[in-house]
Amino acid sequence: MGHASDPADLALHGVRVLGFPTTARIAARFGLDRDAVEEDLLDAEARGWVRTLTFGATSGWSLTDAGRTEGERRLAAELALTGSRAAVTSVHARFLPLNRRFGVACTDWQVRPTRLDPMALNDHTDWRWDERVLRTLASLERAFRDLCDELAALLTRFDGYGDRFASAVREVQAGRRAWLDAPDRDSCSLLWIQFHEDLLATLGIPRGSDA
């Protein structure tokens, strides 16, 4: 059984990983009590670590620079407590080639070059082209699940990524194309980005520096 993170740490971490989430979304992601998450976030807001933002009819939590620093400090302390930094670093190293393959697959799903237009949008009429992307997704799903399971055995907050990604892949394979990259659901792309951000936050690596 992996180490269970402190709920207050998860509340702060959830703001970073989920990106502009509501309190309810953070609570649901980590299986926490919504009222307790709200209290933790209000305390974090009083300390200048998070703030609430509203865009149109949508409101959510946003991390400040101070909150990002505090979140990484807490995650570093968790790695030290569990002695798992080397193992998480190893997973990150093995994730990077998968990340490059996933990026290519996403590009190929969105763009189908033609003789006249190398950046032509993929209209999904070329079955062979899309099938190649789907085969890549299936291969990545298996490798991704292995990494997620390895991390979840160390830190339980990584539990669930593999199952949700596999579910999204099945949706895409069933012809529901939005499940590959739509931002309004747990699509393949959104889950992949969240997992990557989780690794970066855990190891204190600036985004883009591990490309």
N, C-alpha and C. Protein backbone atom coordinates (compact mmCIF):
# COMPACT_ATOMS: atom_id res chain seq x y z
N MET A 1 0.85 -1.20 0.00
CA MET A 1 0.00 0.00 0.00
C MET A 1 0.88 1.24 0.00
N GLY A 2 0.60 2.17 -0.90
CA GLY A 2 1.39 3.37 -1.01
C GLY A 2 1.08 4.37 0.09
N HIS A 3 1.89 5.39 0.15
CA HIS A 3 1.74 6.45 1.15
C HIS A 3 0.55 7.33 0.78
N ALA A 4 -0.31 7.61 1.76
CA ALA A 4 -1.46 8.49 1.55
C ALA A 4 -1.06 9.92 1.91
N SER A 5 -1.17 10.81 0.95
CA SER A 5 -0.78 12.20 1.18
C SER A 5 -1.73 12.88 2.14
N ASP A 6 -1.22 13.90 2.82
CA ASP A 6 -2.05 14.70 3.73
C ASP A 6 -3.15 15.38 2.91
N PRO A 7 -4.40 15.36 3.40
CA PRO A 7 -5.51 15.98 2.64
C PRO A 7 -5.28 17.45 2.31
N ALA A 8 -4.67 18.19 3.24
CA ALA A 8 -4.40 19.61 2.96
C ALA A 8 -3.40 19.76 1.83
N ASP A 9 -2.43 18.85 1.76
CA ASP A 9 -1.46 18.87 0.66
C ASP A 9 -2.16 18.55 -0.66
N LEU A 10 -3.10 17.60 -0.61
CA LEU A 10 -3.82 17.23 -1.83
C LEU A 10 -4.71 18.37 -2.33
N ALA A 11 -5.29 19.11 -1.41
CA ALA A 11 -6.12 20.24 -1.81
C ALA A 11 -5.31 21.26 -2.59
N LEU A 12 -4.12 21.59 -2.07
CA LEU A 12 -3.24 22.54 -2.74
C LEU A 12 -2.71 21.96 -4.05
N HIS A 13 -2.32 20.70 -4.00
CA HIS A 13 -1.78 20.02 -5.19
C HIS A 13 -2.85 19.91 -6.28
N GLY A 14 -4.09 19.68 -5.89
CA GLY A 14 -5.16 19.55 -6.86
C GLY A 14 -5.38 20.80 -7.68
N VAL A 15 -5.16 21.95 -7.07
CA VAL A 15 -5.31 23.21 -7.81
C VAL A 15 -4.31 23.26 -8.96
N ARG A 16 -3.11 22.80 -8.70
CA ARG A 16 -2.08 22.83 -9.74
C ARG A 16 -2.34 21.78 -10.82
N VAL A 17 -2.59 20.56 -10.40
CA VAL A 17 -2.68 19.46 -11.36
C VAL A 17 -3.95 19.56 -12.22
N LEU A 18 -5.06 19.93 -11.61
CA LEU A 18 -6.33 19.93 -12.34
C LEU A 18 -6.54 21.21 -13.14
N GLY A 19 -5.89 22.30 -12.76
CA GLY A 19 -5.97 23.52 -13.55
C GLY A 19 -7.31 24.21 -13.46
N PHE A 20 -7.43 25.23 -12.62
CA PHE A 20 -8.65 26.02 -12.45
C PHE A 20 -9.84 25.15 -12.03
N PRO A 21 -9.65 24.30 -11.00
CA PRO A 21 -10.74 23.40 -10.61
C PRO A 21 -11.67 24.04 -9.59
N THR A 22 -12.86 23.48 -9.46
CA THR A 22 -13.75 23.82 -8.36
C THR A 22 -13.36 22.98 -7.14
N THR A 23 -13.87 23.37 -6.00
CA THR A 23 -13.62 22.58 -4.79
C THR A 23 -14.14 21.16 -4.96
N ALA A 24 -15.32 21.04 -5.54
CA ALA A 24 -15.94 19.72 -5.71
C ALA A 24 -15.09 18.82 -6.61
N ARG A 25 -14.48 19.41 -7.63
CA ARG A 25 -13.67 18.60 -8.54
C ARG A 25 -12.43 18.06 -7.83
N ILE A 26 -11.80 18.89 -7.01
CA ILE A 26 -10.63 18.43 -6.26
C ILE A 26 -11.03 17.32 -5.29
N ALA A 27 -12.14 17.53 -4.59
CA ALA A 27 -12.60 16.53 -3.64
C ALA A 27 -12.89 15.20 -4.33
N ALA A 28 -13.54 15.27 -5.49
CA ALA A 28 -13.87 14.05 -6.22
C ALA A 28 -12.61 13.35 -6.73
N ARG A 29 -11.65 14.12 -7.20
CA ARG A 29 -10.43 13.51 -7.75
C ARG A 29 -9.67 12.70 -6.72
N PHE A 30 -9.61 13.21 -5.48
CA PHE A 30 -8.81 12.54 -4.46
C PHE A 30 -9.65 11.82 -3.40
N GLY A 31 -10.97 11.77 -3.61
CA GLY A 31 -11.83 11.07 -2.66
C GLY A 31 -11.86 11.72 -1.29
N LEU A 32 -11.91 13.06 -1.27
CA LEU A 32 -11.88 13.81 -0.02
C LEU A 32 -13.25 14.42 0.27
N ASP A 33 -13.45 14.80 1.52
CA ASP A 33 -14.67 15.49 1.91
C ASP A 33 -14.67 16.90 1.35
N ARG A 34 -15.74 17.28 0.67
CA ARG A 34 -15.77 18.58 0.00
C ARG A 34 -15.61 19.74 0.98
N ASP A 35 -16.30 19.67 2.12
CA ASP A 35 -16.22 20.76 3.10
C ASP A 35 -14.80 20.90 3.66
N ALA A 36 -14.14 19.76 3.86
CA ALA A 36 -12.76 19.80 4.37
C ALA A 36 -11.83 20.42 3.34
N VAL A 37 -12.03 20.08 2.07
CA VAL A 37 -11.21 20.67 1.00
C VAL A 37 -11.45 22.18 0.95
N GLU A 38 -12.69 22.59 1.08
CA GLU A 38 -13.01 24.02 1.06
C GLU A 38 -12.29 24.75 2.19
N GLU A 39 -12.29 24.17 3.38
CA GLU A 39 -11.60 24.79 4.51
C GLU A 39 -10.10 24.89 4.27
N ASP A 40 -9.53 23.82 3.71
CA ASP A 40 -8.09 23.84 3.42
C ASP A 40 -7.75 24.91 2.38
N LEU A 41 -8.60 25.06 1.37
CA LEU A 41 -8.34 26.05 0.33
C LEU A 41 -8.54 27.47 0.84
N LEU A 42 -9.51 27.67 1.70
CA LEU A 42 -9.70 29.00 2.29
C LEU A 42 -8.51 29.37 3.16
N ASP A 43 -7.97 28.39 3.87
CA ASP A 43 -6.76 28.63 4.66
C ASP A 43 -5.58 28.96 3.74
N ALA A 44 -5.47 28.21 2.63
CA ALA A 44 -4.40 28.48 1.66
C ALA A 44 -4.58 29.86 1.03
N GLU A 45 -5.82 30.25 0.80
CA GLU A 45 -6.08 31.58 0.23
C GLU A 45 -5.64 32.67 1.20
N ALA A 46 -5.90 32.47 2.49
CA ALA A 46 -5.50 33.45 3.49
C ALA A 46 -3.98 33.58 3.56
N ARG A 47 -3.27 32.52 3.21
CA ARG A 47 -1.82 32.53 3.22
C ARG A 47 -1.22 33.00 1.88
N GLY A 48 -2.09 33.31 0.92
CA GLY A 48 -1.62 33.82 -0.36
C GLY A 48 -1.17 32.74 -1.33
N TRP A 49 -1.59 31.49 -1.10
CA TRP A 49 -1.16 30.39 -1.95
C TRP A 49 -2.11 30.10 -3.10
N VAL A 50 -3.37 30.43 -2.93
CA VAL A 50 -4.36 30.24 -4.00
C VAL A 50 -5.28 31.45 -4.02
N ARG A 51 -6.02 31.57 -5.10
CA ARG A 51 -7.05 32.61 -5.19
C ARG A 51 -8.18 32.09 -6.06
N THR A 52 -9.35 32.68 -5.90
CA THR A 52 -10.49 32.30 -6.72
C THR A 52 -10.57 33.26 -7.90
N LEU A 53 -10.86 32.71 -9.06
CA LEU A 53 -11.01 33.50 -10.28
C LEU A 53 -12.34 33.14 -10.93
N THR A 54 -12.90 34.11 -11.63
CA THR A 54 -14.16 33.90 -12.34
C THR A 54 -14.01 34.35 -13.78
N PHE A 55 -14.36 33.46 -14.70
CA PHE A 55 -14.38 33.79 -16.12
C PHE A 55 -15.80 33.51 -16.63
N GLY A 56 -16.53 34.58 -16.91
CA GLY A 56 -17.91 34.41 -17.32
C GLY A 56 -18.72 33.82 -16.19
N ALA A 57 -19.32 32.66 -16.45
CA ALA A 57 -20.13 32.00 -15.43
C ALA A 57 -19.35 30.93 -14.68
N THR A 58 -18.04 30.82 -14.97
CA THR A 58 -17.23 29.76 -14.39
C THR A 58 -16.27 30.32 -13.34
N SER A 59 -16.27 29.69 -12.17
CA SER A 59 -15.35 30.08 -11.10
C SER A 59 -14.52 28.89 -10.70
N GLY A 60 -13.29 29.15 -10.26
CA GLY A 60 -12.43 28.06 -9.83
C GLY A 60 -11.24 28.60 -9.06
N TRP A 61 -10.40 27.67 -8.62
CA TRP A 61 -9.22 28.02 -7.84
C TRP A 61 -7.99 28.11 -8.75
N SER A 62 -7.13 29.07 -8.44
CA SER A 62 -5.90 29.25 -9.19
C SER A 62 -4.73 29.33 -8.22
N LEU A 63 -3.60 28.76 -8.61
CA LEU A 63 -2.41 28.73 -7.77
C LEU A 63 -1.59 30.00 -7.99
N THR A 64 -1.09 30.59 -6.91
CA THR A 64 -0.17 31.72 -7.01
C THR A 64 1.26 31.18 -7.10
N ASP A 65 2.20 32.06 -7.40
CA ASP A 65 3.60 31.65 -7.43
C ASP A 65 4.04 31.12 -6.06
N ALA A 66 3.58 31.80 -5.01
CA ALA A 66 3.92 31.36 -3.65
C ALA A 66 3.31 29.99 -3.37
N GLY A 67 2.10 29.78 -3.89
CA GLY A 67 1.45 28.50 -3.69
C GLY A 67 2.15 27.38 -4.43
N ARG A 68 2.65 27.68 -5.62
CA ARG A 68 3.41 26.68 -6.37
C ARG A 68 4.68 26.28 -5.61
N THR A 69 5.36 27.28 -5.06
CA THR A 69 6.57 27.00 -4.28
C THR A 69 6.24 26.18 -3.04
N GLU A 70 5.17 26.54 -2.36
CA GLU A 70 4.77 25.81 -1.15
C GLU A 70 4.36 24.38 -1.50
N GLY A 71 3.63 24.21 -2.59
CA GLY A 71 3.22 22.88 -3.00
C GLY A 71 4.42 21.99 -3.31
N GLU A 72 5.39 22.52 -4.01
CA GLU A 72 6.59 21.73 -4.33
C GLU A 72 7.38 21.42 -3.06
N ARG A 73 7.40 22.35 -2.11
CA ARG A 73 8.10 22.09 -0.85
C ARG A 73 7.45 20.92 -0.12
N ARG A 74 6.13 20.89 -0.11
CA ARG A 74 5.42 19.81 0.58
C ARG A 74 5.63 18.47 -0.12
N LEU A 75 5.61 18.48 -1.43
CA LEU A 75 5.81 17.24 -2.16
C LEU A 75 7.25 16.73 -2.00
N ALA A 76 8.21 17.63 -1.95
CA ALA A 76 9.60 17.23 -1.71
C ALA A 76 9.75 16.60 -0.33
N ALA A 77 9.05 17.17 0.65
CA ALA A 77 9.09 16.61 2.00
C ALA A 77 8.46 15.22 2.01
N GLU A 78 7.42 15.03 1.23
CA GLU A 78 6.76 13.73 1.13
C GLU A 78 7.70 12.70 0.52
N LEU A 79 8.44 13.09 -0.52
CA LEU A 79 9.41 12.18 -1.12
C LEU A 79 10.50 11.80 -0.12
N ALA A 80 10.94 12.78 0.67
CA ALA A 80 11.97 12.50 1.66
C ALA A 80 11.44 11.55 2.74
N LEU A 81 10.20 11.78 3.15
CA LEU A 81 9.58 10.95 4.18
C LEU A 81 9.44 9.50 3.72
N THR A 82 9.06 9.32 2.46
CA THR A 82 8.81 7.97 1.94
C THR A 82 10.04 7.35 1.28
N GLY A 83 11.08 8.14 1.10
CA GLY A 83 12.29 7.63 0.45
C GLY A 83 12.04 7.21 -0.98
N SER A 84 11.16 7.91 -1.67
CA SER A 84 10.74 7.48 -3.01
C SER A 84 11.22 8.38 -4.15
N ARG A 85 12.10 9.34 -3.86
CA ARG A 85 12.53 10.25 -4.93
C ARG A 85 13.20 9.49 -6.08
N ALA A 86 14.08 8.57 -5.78
CA ALA A 86 14.79 7.84 -6.84
C ALA A 86 13.80 7.07 -7.71
N ALA A 87 12.81 6.45 -7.09
CA ALA A 87 11.84 5.67 -7.85
C ALA A 87 10.98 6.56 -8.73
N VAL A 88 10.55 7.71 -8.21
CA VAL A 88 9.73 8.63 -9.00
C VAL A 88 10.57 9.23 -10.13
N THR A 89 11.83 9.52 -9.86
CA THR A 89 12.72 10.03 -10.91
C THR A 89 12.88 9.01 -12.02
N SER A 90 12.96 7.74 -11.66
CA SER A 90 13.06 6.68 -12.66
C SER A 90 11.81 6.60 -13.52
N VAL A 91 10.65 6.73 -12.90
CA VAL A 91 9.40 6.72 -13.66
C VAL A 91 9.35 7.90 -14.63
N HIS A 92 9.77 9.07 -14.15
CA HIS A 92 9.79 10.26 -15.01
C HIS A 92 10.67 10.04 -16.23
N ALA A 93 11.84 9.44 -16.03
CA ALA A 93 12.77 9.19 -17.14
C ALA A 93 12.14 8.25 -18.16
N ARG A 94 11.41 7.25 -17.70
CA ARG A 94 10.78 6.30 -18.61
C ARG A 94 9.50 6.87 -19.24
N PHE A 95 8.94 7.89 -18.61
CA PHE A 95 7.75 8.55 -19.17
C PHE A 95 8.10 9.42 -20.36
N LEU A 96 9.27 10.02 -20.37
CA LEU A 96 9.62 11.00 -21.41
C LEU A 96 9.52 10.45 -22.84
N PRO A 97 10.06 9.26 -23.15
CA PRO A 97 9.88 8.76 -24.52
C PRO A 97 8.41 8.47 -24.84
N LEU A 98 7.64 8.05 -23.85
CA LEU A 98 6.20 7.87 -24.07
C LEU A 98 5.54 9.21 -24.37
N ASN A 99 5.99 10.23 -23.68
CA ASN A 99 5.43 11.57 -23.88
C ASN A 99 5.67 12.06 -25.30
N ARG A 100 6.86 11.78 -25.83
CA ARG A 100 7.14 12.18 -27.21
C ARG A 100 6.25 11.43 -28.19
N ARG A 101 6.05 10.14 -27.95
CA ARG A 101 5.19 9.35 -28.83
C ARG A 101 3.74 9.83 -28.75
N PHE A 102 3.30 10.17 -27.56
CA PHE A 102 1.94 10.66 -27.39
C PHE A 102 1.75 11.99 -28.12
N GLY A 103 2.76 12.86 -28.04
CA GLY A 103 2.67 14.14 -28.75
C GLY A 103 2.54 13.96 -30.24
N VAL A 104 3.30 13.03 -30.81
CA VAL A 104 3.20 12.74 -32.24
C VAL A 104 1.82 12.20 -32.58
N ALA A 105 1.30 11.29 -31.74
CA ALA A 105 -0.01 10.71 -31.99
C ALA A 105 -1.10 11.78 -31.98
N CYS A 106 -1.02 12.70 -31.04
CA CYS A 106 -2.02 13.78 -30.97
C CYS A 106 -1.94 14.67 -32.20
N THR A 107 -0.72 14.97 -32.64
CA THR A 107 -0.55 15.79 -33.84
C THR A 107 -1.13 15.07 -35.06
N ASP A 108 -0.84 13.78 -35.18
CA ASP A 108 -1.35 13.02 -36.32
C ASP A 108 -2.87 12.90 -36.28
N TRP A 109 -3.46 12.93 -35.10
CA TRP A 109 -4.91 12.87 -34.99
C TRP A 109 -5.55 14.18 -35.46
N GLN A 110 -4.82 15.27 -35.29
CA GLN A 110 -5.36 16.58 -35.64
C GLN A 110 -4.98 17.03 -37.05
N VAL A 111 -3.83 16.56 -37.54
CA VAL A 111 -3.30 17.02 -38.84
C VAL A 111 -3.06 15.82 -39.74
N ARG A 112 -3.54 15.93 -40.98
CA ARG A 112 -3.31 14.89 -42.00
C ARG A 112 -2.75 15.58 -43.23
N PRO A 113 -1.41 15.64 -43.37
CA PRO A 113 -0.81 16.37 -44.49
C PRO A 113 -1.27 15.85 -45.84
N THR A 114 -1.42 16.77 -46.76
CA THR A 114 -1.73 16.40 -48.14
C THR A 114 -0.63 16.94 -49.04
N ARG A 115 -0.69 16.59 -50.31
CA ARG A 115 0.33 17.05 -51.26
C ARG A 115 0.34 18.57 -51.36
N LEU A 116 -0.83 19.20 -51.20
CA LEU A 116 -0.94 20.64 -51.35
C LEU A 116 -0.88 21.40 -50.03
N ASP A 117 -1.16 20.71 -48.93
CA ASP A 117 -1.22 21.38 -47.65
C ASP A 117 -0.63 20.48 -46.55
N PRO A 118 0.62 20.74 -46.17
CA PRO A 118 1.26 19.90 -45.15
C PRO A 118 0.65 20.05 -43.76
N MET A 119 -0.20 21.08 -43.57
CA MET A 119 -0.85 21.29 -42.27
C MET A 119 -2.36 21.12 -42.37
N ALA A 120 -2.81 20.36 -43.33
CA ALA A 120 -4.25 20.14 -43.50
C ALA A 120 -4.84 19.43 -42.29
N LEU A 121 -6.01 19.88 -41.86
CA LEU A 121 -6.67 19.24 -40.73
C LEU A 121 -7.09 17.82 -41.10
N ASN A 122 -7.00 16.95 -40.15
CA ASN A 122 -7.41 15.57 -40.35
C ASN A 122 -8.94 15.50 -40.37
N ASP A 123 -9.50 15.09 -41.50
CA ASP A 123 -10.95 14.97 -41.59
C ASP A 123 -11.43 13.56 -41.24
N HIS A 124 -10.50 12.70 -40.84
CA HIS A 124 -10.79 11.35 -40.36
C HIS A 124 -11.48 10.48 -41.42
N THR A 125 -11.18 10.76 -42.68
CA THR A 125 -11.69 9.91 -43.75
C THR A 125 -10.67 8.86 -44.19
N ASP A 126 -9.42 9.03 -43.75
CA ASP A 126 -8.37 8.07 -44.09
C ASP A 126 -8.30 7.05 -42.95
N TRP A 127 -8.92 5.89 -43.13
CA TRP A 127 -9.01 4.89 -42.07
C TRP A 127 -7.62 4.42 -41.64
N ARG A 128 -6.73 4.20 -42.60
CA ARG A 128 -5.40 3.70 -42.26
C ARG A 128 -4.63 4.70 -41.39
N TRP A 129 -4.78 5.98 -41.70
CA TRP A 129 -4.08 7.02 -40.93
C TRP A 129 -4.56 7.02 -39.48
N ASP A 130 -5.87 7.02 -39.29
CA ASP A 130 -6.42 7.03 -37.94
C ASP A 130 -6.13 5.73 -37.20
N GLU A 131 -6.16 4.61 -37.90
CA GLU A 131 -5.91 3.33 -37.27
C GLU A 131 -4.49 3.27 -36.71
N ARG A 132 -3.56 3.89 -37.40
CA ARG A 132 -2.18 3.93 -36.90
C ARG A 132 -2.11 4.70 -35.59
N VAL A 133 -2.86 5.80 -35.51
CA VAL A 133 -2.91 6.56 -34.25
C VAL A 133 -3.53 5.71 -33.14
N LEU A 134 -4.59 4.98 -33.46
CA LEU A 134 -5.26 4.16 -32.45
C LEU A 134 -4.36 3.04 -31.95
N ARG A 135 -3.56 2.48 -32.84
CA ARG A 135 -2.62 1.44 -32.41
C ARG A 135 -1.57 2.02 -31.47
N THR A 136 -1.12 3.24 -31.77
CA THR A 136 -0.16 3.90 -30.89
C THR A 136 -0.78 4.15 -29.52
N LEU A 137 -2.03 4.60 -29.50
CA LEU A 137 -2.71 4.85 -28.23
C LEU A 137 -2.82 3.57 -27.40
N ALA A 138 -3.17 2.47 -28.06
CA ALA A 138 -3.30 1.20 -27.35
C ALA A 138 -1.96 0.77 -26.75
N SER A 139 -0.89 0.96 -27.50
CA SER A 139 0.44 0.62 -27.01
C SER A 139 0.84 1.51 -25.84
N LEU A 140 0.55 2.81 -25.97
CA LEU A 140 0.88 3.75 -24.91
C LEU A 140 0.06 3.47 -23.65
N GLU A 141 -1.18 3.07 -23.84
CA GLU A 141 -2.04 2.80 -22.68
C GLU A 141 -1.45 1.72 -21.79
N ARG A 142 -0.93 0.69 -22.38
CA ARG A 142 -0.34 -0.40 -21.59
C ARG A 142 0.90 0.07 -20.85
N ALA A 143 1.77 0.80 -21.54
CA ALA A 143 3.00 1.28 -20.90
C ALA A 143 2.68 2.33 -19.83
N PHE A 144 1.71 3.18 -20.12
CA PHE A 144 1.31 4.23 -19.19
C PHE A 144 0.74 3.62 -17.91
N ARG A 145 -0.10 2.61 -18.06
CA ARG A 145 -0.70 1.96 -16.89
C ARG A 145 0.39 1.36 -15.99
N ASP A 146 1.41 0.77 -16.60
CA ASP A 146 2.50 0.18 -15.80
C ASP A 146 3.18 1.25 -14.94
N LEU A 147 3.44 2.43 -15.55
CA LEU A 147 4.07 3.50 -14.79
C LEU A 147 3.15 4.00 -13.68
N CYS A 148 1.86 4.15 -13.98
CA CYS A 148 0.90 4.63 -12.99
C CYS A 148 0.80 3.66 -11.82
N ASP A 149 0.73 2.36 -12.13
CA ASP A 149 0.66 1.36 -11.06
C ASP A 149 1.90 1.38 -10.19
N GLU A 150 3.06 1.58 -10.82
CA GLU A 150 4.31 1.64 -10.08
C GLU A 150 4.32 2.83 -9.12
N LEU A 151 3.83 3.97 -9.60
CA LEU A 151 3.79 5.16 -8.75
C LEU A 151 2.75 5.03 -7.65
N ALA A 152 1.58 4.49 -7.99
CA ALA A 152 0.50 4.36 -7.01
C ALA A 152 0.91 3.45 -5.86
N ALA A 153 1.80 2.49 -6.13
CA ALA A 153 2.30 1.61 -5.06
C ALA A 153 3.18 2.38 -4.08
N LEU A 154 3.68 3.54 -4.52
CA LEU A 154 4.51 4.39 -3.66
C LEU A 154 3.70 5.52 -3.04
N LEU A 155 2.89 6.18 -3.89
CA LEU A 155 2.11 7.35 -3.48
C LEU A 155 0.69 7.17 -4.01
N THR A 156 -0.26 7.00 -3.13
CA THR A 156 -1.61 6.63 -3.57
C THR A 156 -2.29 7.73 -4.38
N ARG A 157 -1.80 8.98 -4.33
CA ARG A 157 -2.44 10.03 -5.11
C ARG A 157 -2.28 9.82 -6.62
N PHE A 158 -1.37 8.92 -7.02
CA PHE A 158 -1.22 8.61 -8.44
C PHE A 158 -2.20 7.52 -8.88
N ASP A 159 -2.95 6.98 -7.95
CA ASP A 159 -3.90 5.93 -8.29
C ASP A 159 -5.03 6.51 -9.15
N GLY A 160 -5.46 5.79 -10.16
CA GLY A 160 -6.59 6.21 -10.97
C GLY A 160 -6.23 6.74 -12.34
N TYR A 161 -5.03 7.25 -12.51
CA TYR A 161 -4.65 7.76 -13.82
C TYR A 161 -4.76 6.68 -14.90
N GLY A 162 -4.23 5.50 -14.61
CA GLY A 162 -4.22 4.43 -15.60
C GLY A 162 -5.61 4.01 -16.01
N ASP A 163 -6.51 3.86 -15.04
CA ASP A 163 -7.88 3.43 -15.35
C ASP A 163 -8.62 4.48 -16.17
N ARG A 164 -8.48 5.74 -15.81
CA ARG A 164 -9.20 6.79 -16.53
C ARG A 164 -8.66 6.96 -17.95
N PHE A 165 -7.32 6.82 -18.10
CA PHE A 165 -6.75 6.92 -19.43
C PHE A 165 -7.22 5.75 -20.30
N ALA A 166 -7.25 4.55 -19.75
CA ALA A 166 -7.71 3.38 -20.49
C ALA A 166 -9.16 3.56 -20.91
N SER A 167 -9.98 4.13 -20.03
CA SER A 167 -11.38 4.37 -20.35
C SER A 167 -11.52 5.36 -21.50
N ALA A 168 -10.69 6.42 -21.48
CA ALA A 168 -10.73 7.40 -22.56
C ALA A 168 -10.29 6.79 -23.89
N VAL A 169 -9.26 5.93 -23.85
CA VAL A 169 -8.81 5.26 -25.07
C VAL A 169 -9.93 4.41 -25.65
N ARG A 170 -10.65 3.71 -24.80
CA ARG A 170 -11.76 2.88 -25.29
C ARG A 170 -12.84 3.73 -25.96
N GLU A 171 -13.08 4.91 -25.41
CA GLU A 171 -14.07 5.81 -26.03
C GLU A 171 -13.62 6.21 -27.43
N VAL A 172 -12.33 6.54 -27.57
CA VAL A 172 -11.81 6.93 -28.88
C VAL A 172 -11.91 5.76 -29.84
N GLN A 173 -11.56 4.56 -29.38
CA GLN A 173 -11.61 3.39 -30.22
C GLN A 173 -13.04 3.07 -30.68
N ALA A 174 -14.01 3.49 -29.87
CA ALA A 174 -15.41 3.27 -30.21
C ALA A 174 -15.96 4.32 -31.16
N GLY A 175 -15.11 5.25 -31.57
CA GLY A 175 -15.52 6.25 -32.55
C GLY A 175 -15.90 7.60 -31.96
N ARG A 176 -15.80 7.74 -30.64
CA ARG A 176 -16.12 9.02 -30.01
C ARG A 176 -14.84 9.85 -29.92
N ARG A 177 -14.55 10.54 -31.03
CA ARG A 177 -13.24 11.15 -31.23
C ARG A 177 -12.90 12.23 -30.21
N ALA A 178 -13.91 12.91 -29.65
CA ALA A 178 -13.63 13.99 -28.71
C ALA A 178 -12.88 13.50 -27.48
N TRP A 179 -12.95 12.21 -27.20
CA TRP A 179 -12.29 11.68 -26.02
C TRP A 179 -10.77 11.63 -26.16
N LEU A 180 -10.24 11.97 -27.33
CA LEU A 180 -8.79 12.02 -27.44
C LEU A 180 -8.23 13.34 -26.90
N ASP A 181 -8.89 14.46 -27.25
CA ASP A 181 -8.27 15.73 -26.87
C ASP A 181 -9.24 16.80 -26.39
N ALA A 182 -10.50 16.46 -26.10
CA ALA A 182 -11.45 17.47 -25.62
C ALA A 182 -11.06 17.95 -24.22
N PRO A 183 -11.17 19.27 -23.95
CA PRO A 183 -10.78 19.79 -22.64
C PRO A 183 -11.90 19.73 -21.60
N ASP A 184 -13.10 19.30 -21.99
CA ASP A 184 -14.25 19.35 -21.10
C ASP A 184 -14.57 18.00 -20.45
N ARG A 185 -13.63 17.06 -20.53
CA ARG A 185 -13.83 15.73 -19.95
C ARG A 185 -12.46 15.11 -19.67
N ASP A 186 -12.46 13.94 -19.05
CA ASP A 186 -11.19 13.25 -18.79
C ASP A 186 -10.72 12.55 -20.06
N SER A 187 -10.35 13.37 -21.05
CA SER A 187 -9.87 12.85 -22.33
C SER A 187 -8.44 12.35 -22.18
N CYS A 188 -8.00 11.63 -23.20
CA CYS A 188 -6.62 11.12 -23.18
C CYS A 188 -5.62 12.26 -22.97
N SER A 189 -5.79 13.32 -23.73
CA SER A 189 -4.84 14.43 -23.67
C SER A 189 -4.86 15.12 -22.31
N LEU A 190 -6.06 15.38 -21.78
CA LEU A 190 -6.15 16.08 -20.50
C LEU A 190 -5.54 15.25 -19.38
N LEU A 191 -5.81 13.96 -19.35
CA LEU A 191 -5.25 13.10 -18.32
C LEU A 191 -3.73 13.00 -18.44
N TRP A 192 -3.25 12.95 -19.68
CA TRP A 192 -1.81 12.87 -19.90
C TRP A 192 -1.12 14.13 -19.38
N ILE A 193 -1.71 15.28 -19.67
CA ILE A 193 -1.16 16.56 -19.21
C ILE A 193 -1.15 16.62 -17.69
N GLN A 194 -2.23 16.17 -17.07
CA GLN A 194 -2.32 16.19 -15.61
C GLN A 194 -1.27 15.28 -14.98
N PHE A 195 -1.09 14.10 -15.55
CA PHE A 195 -0.09 13.18 -15.03
C PHE A 195 1.31 13.78 -15.15
N HIS A 196 1.60 14.38 -16.30
CA HIS A 196 2.90 15.00 -16.51
C HIS A 196 3.12 16.12 -15.49
N GLU A 197 2.08 16.94 -15.30
CA GLU A 197 2.19 18.03 -14.32
C GLU A 197 2.40 17.48 -12.91
N ASP A 198 1.75 16.37 -12.61
CA ASP A 198 1.92 15.72 -11.31
C ASP A 198 3.38 15.32 -11.10
N LEU A 199 3.97 14.73 -12.11
CA LEU A 199 5.38 14.34 -12.02
C LEU A 199 6.29 15.56 -11.85
N LEU A 200 6.04 16.61 -12.64
CA LEU A 200 6.87 17.81 -12.56
C LEU A 200 6.78 18.44 -11.18
N ALA A 201 5.56 18.54 -10.65
CA ALA A 201 5.37 19.13 -9.33
C ALA A 201 6.05 18.28 -8.26
N THR A 202 5.92 16.97 -8.37
CA THR A 202 6.48 16.07 -7.38
C THR A 202 8.00 16.18 -7.32
N LEU A 203 8.62 16.30 -8.49
CA LEU A 203 10.08 16.35 -8.56
C LEU A 203 10.63 17.77 -8.60
N GLY A 204 9.76 18.77 -8.62
CA GLY A 204 10.20 20.17 -8.65
C GLY A 204 10.89 20.54 -9.95
N ILE A 205 10.40 19.97 -11.07
CA ILE A 205 11.00 20.23 -12.38
C ILE A 205 10.18 21.29 -13.11
N PRO A 206 10.80 22.38 -13.60
CA PRO A 206 10.05 23.39 -14.34
C PRO A 206 9.46 22.81 -15.62
N ARG A 207 8.22 23.21 -15.91
CA ARG A 207 7.58 22.72 -17.12
C ARG A 207 8.37 23.15 -18.36
N GLY A 208 8.56 22.22 -19.28
CA GLY A 208 9.26 22.48 -20.52
C GLY A 208 10.74 22.16 -20.45
N SER A 209 11.28 22.03 -19.24
CA SER A 209 12.71 21.77 -19.13
C SER A 209 13.05 20.30 -19.33
N ASP A 210 12.03 19.44 -19.37
CA ASP A 210 12.29 18.01 -19.55
C ASP A 210 11.94 17.53 -20.94
N ALA A 211 11.73 18.48 -21.85
CA ALA A 211 11.36 18.10 -23.22
C ALA A 211 12.52 17.37 -23.89
